[in-house]
Amino acid sequence: MSIFEIIGGIALCVVAVLIIITVLMQESKAKMGALGGANLDSSLSRNRGKTMDAMLARATKILGVAFFVITILIAVAEKFA
C-alpha cells in the first residue's frame, strides 16, 4: 500500500462524510401541509432557503464528482504500482 493510496483513502472518507452532511442539511422537497409539519414562511425566508438549497445541491454534485475522481485515481495508482 503506497502513500498515495493511504492519502486517497483518507480523502475518500472525508469527501464521503461531507456528502452525507450536505445531503442531510438539504430541506425536503415534499410539501405535506400543516399536518406533515410544513412551515408557512414568508416569501423572503422561502427565497433565502431556496438559495441555501441551491448552494447545498451544487456542493453535493461537486463532492460526488470529487468522490468518483478520487476513486478512479486510487484504482489507477493501484494498477500501476
C-alpha atoms as a PDB file:
ATOM      1  CA  MET A   1       0.000   0.000   0.000  1.00  0.00           C
ATOM      2  CA  SER A   2       1.554   3.224  -1.149  1.00  0.00           C
ATOM      3  CA  ILE A   3       1.336   6.619   0.485  1.00  0.00           C
ATOM      4  CA  PHE A   4      -0.874   7.797  -2.411  1.00  0.00           C
ATOM      5  CA  GLU A   5      -3.424   5.081  -1.621  1.00  0.00           C
ATOM      6  CA  ILE A   6      -3.430   5.990   2.069  1.00  0.00           C
ATOM      7  CA  ILE A   7      -3.924   9.694   1.333  1.00  0.00           C
ATOM      8  CA  GLY A   8      -6.578   8.819  -1.248  1.00  0.00           C
ATOM      9  CA  GLY A   9      -8.414   6.635   1.252  1.00  0.00           C
ATOM     10  CA  ILE A  10      -8.421   9.403   3.815  1.00  0.00           C
ATOM     11  CA  ALA A  11      -9.647  11.862   1.171  1.00  0.00           C
ATOM     12  CA  LEU A  12     -12.428   9.426   0.209  1.00  0.00           C
ATOM     13  CA  CYS A  13     -13.557   9.191   3.822  1.00  0.00           C
ATOM     14  CA  VAL A  14     -13.571  12.971   4.220  1.00  0.00           C
ATOM     15  CA  VAL A  15     -15.497  13.507   0.979  1.00  0.00           C
ATOM     16  CA  ALA A  16     -17.997  10.780   1.933  1.00  0.00           C
ATOM     17  CA  VAL A  17     -18.683  12.444   5.289  1.00  0.00           C
ATOM     18  CA  LEU A  18     -19.068  15.835   3.580  1.00  0.00           C
ATOM     19  CA  ILE A  19     -21.552  14.349   1.099  1.00  0.00           C
ATOM     20  CA  ILE A  20     -23.594  12.925   3.961  1.00  0.00           C
ATOM     21  CA  ILE A  21     -23.583  16.259   5.783  1.00  0.00           C
ATOM     22  CA  THR A  22     -24.624  18.274   2.718  1.00  0.00           C
ATOM     23  CA  VAL A  23     -27.433  15.841   1.875  1.00  0.00           C
ATOM     24  CA  LEU A  24     -28.746  15.909   5.438  1.00  0.00           C
ATOM     25  CA  MET A  25     -28.662  19.722   5.509  1.00  0.00           C
ATOM     26  CA  GLN A  26     -30.917  19.998   2.451  1.00  0.00           C
ATOM     27  CA  GLU A  27     -34.606  20.578   3.024  1.00  0.00           C
ATOM     28  CA  SER A  28     -37.145  18.004   1.936  1.00  0.00           C
ATOM     29  CA  LYS A  29     -38.896  18.634  -1.375  1.00  0.00           C
ATOM     30  CA  ALA A  30     -42.149  17.079  -0.095  1.00  0.00           C
ATOM     31  CA  LYS A  31     -44.966  19.530   0.633  1.00  0.00           C
ATOM     32  CA  MET A  32     -47.124  17.697   3.129  1.00  0.00           C
ATOM     33  CA  GLY A  33     -49.153  20.591   4.524  1.00  0.00           C
ATOM     34  CA  ALA A  34     -49.686  21.661   8.114  1.00  0.00           C
ATOM     35  CA  LEU A  35     -50.259  18.110   9.380  1.00  0.00           C
ATOM     36  CA  GLY A  36     -46.978  16.918   7.915  1.00  0.00           C
ATOM     37  CA  GLY A  37     -45.033  19.710   9.525  1.00  0.00           C
ATOM     38  CA  ALA A  38     -44.738  22.102   6.593  1.00  0.00           C
ATOM     39  CA  ASN A  39     -43.779  25.585   7.659  1.00  0.00           C
ATOM     40  CA  LEU A  40     -45.715  28.558   6.296  1.00  0.00           C
ATOM     41  CA  ASP A  41     -42.937  31.135   5.983  1.00  0.00           C
ATOM     42  CA  SER A  42     -42.954  34.478   4.282  1.00  0.00           C
ATOM     43  CA  SER A  43     -41.688  34.709   0.729  1.00  0.00           C
ATOM     44  CA  LEU A  44     -38.482  36.352   1.921  1.00  0.00           C
ATOM     45  CA  SER A  45     -37.465  33.409   4.073  1.00  0.00           C
ATOM     46  CA  ARG A  46     -38.575  30.943   1.376  1.00  0.00           C
ATOM     47  CA  ASN A  47     -36.266  32.600  -1.182  1.00  0.00           C
ATOM     48  CA  ARG A  48     -33.369  32.508   1.251  1.00  0.00           C
ATOM     49  CA  GLY A  49     -33.986  28.801   1.761  1.00  0.00           C
ATOM     50  CA  LYS A  50     -34.004  28.182  -1.977  1.00  0.00           C
ATOM     51  CA  THR A  51     -30.626  29.808  -2.400  1.00  0.00           C
ATOM     52  CA  MET A  52     -29.242  27.774   0.500  1.00  0.00           C
ATOM     53  CA  ASP A  53     -30.732  24.610  -1.002  1.00  0.00           C
ATOM     54  CA  ALA A  54     -29.282  25.522  -4.394  1.00  0.00           C
ATOM     55  CA  MET A  55     -25.861  26.003  -2.830  1.00  0.00           C
ATOM     56  CA  LEU A  56     -26.107  22.689  -0.970  1.00  0.00           C
ATOM     57  CA  ALA A  57     -27.283  20.887  -4.118  1.00  0.00           C
ATOM     58  CA  ARG A  58     -24.329  22.304  -6.055  1.00  0.00           C
ATOM     59  CA  ALA A  59     -21.926  21.305  -3.266  1.00  0.00           C
ATOM     60  CA  THR A  60     -23.383  17.786  -3.283  1.00  0.00           C
ATOM     61  CA  LYS A  61     -22.807  17.479  -7.036  1.00  0.00           C
ATOM     62  CA  ILE A  62     -19.236  18.750  -6.762  1.00  0.00           C
ATOM     63  CA  LEU A  63     -18.468  16.397  -3.866  1.00  0.00           C
ATOM     64  CA  GLY A  64     -19.987  13.487  -5.784  1.00  0.00           C
ATOM     65  CA  VAL A  65     -17.745  14.167  -8.767  1.00  0.00           C
ATOM     66  CA  ALA A  66     -14.735  14.524  -6.462  1.00  0.00           C
ATOM     67  CA  PHE A  67     -15.597  11.185  -4.834  1.00  0.00           C
ATOM     68  CA  PHE A  68     -15.607   9.367  -8.183  1.00  0.00           C
ATOM     69  CA  VAL A  69     -12.456  11.101  -9.425  1.00  0.00           C
ATOM     70  CA  ILE A  70     -10.553  10.177  -6.266  1.00  0.00           C
ATOM     71  CA  THR A  71     -11.826   6.596  -6.520  1.00  0.00           C
ATOM     72  CA  ILE A  72     -10.656   6.284 -10.131  1.00  0.00           C
ATOM     73  CA  LEU A  73      -7.273   7.839  -9.317  1.00  0.00           C
ATOM     74  CA  ILE A  74      -6.745   5.360  -6.469  1.00  0.00           C
ATOM     75  CA  ALA A  75      -7.685   2.444  -8.747  1.00  0.00           C
ATOM     76  CA  VAL A  76      -5.274   3.615 -11.462  1.00  0.00           C
ATOM     77  CA  ALA A  77      -2.483   4.169  -8.931  1.00  0.00           C
ATOM     78  CA  GLU A  78      -3.046   0.681  -7.538  1.00  0.00           C
ATOM     79  CA  LYS A  79      -2.989  -0.828 -11.027  1.00  0.00           C
ATOM     80  CA  PHE A  80       0.374   0.731 -11.946  1.00  0.00           C
ATOM     81  CA  ALA A  81       2.047   0.450  -8.560  1.00  0.00           C
END
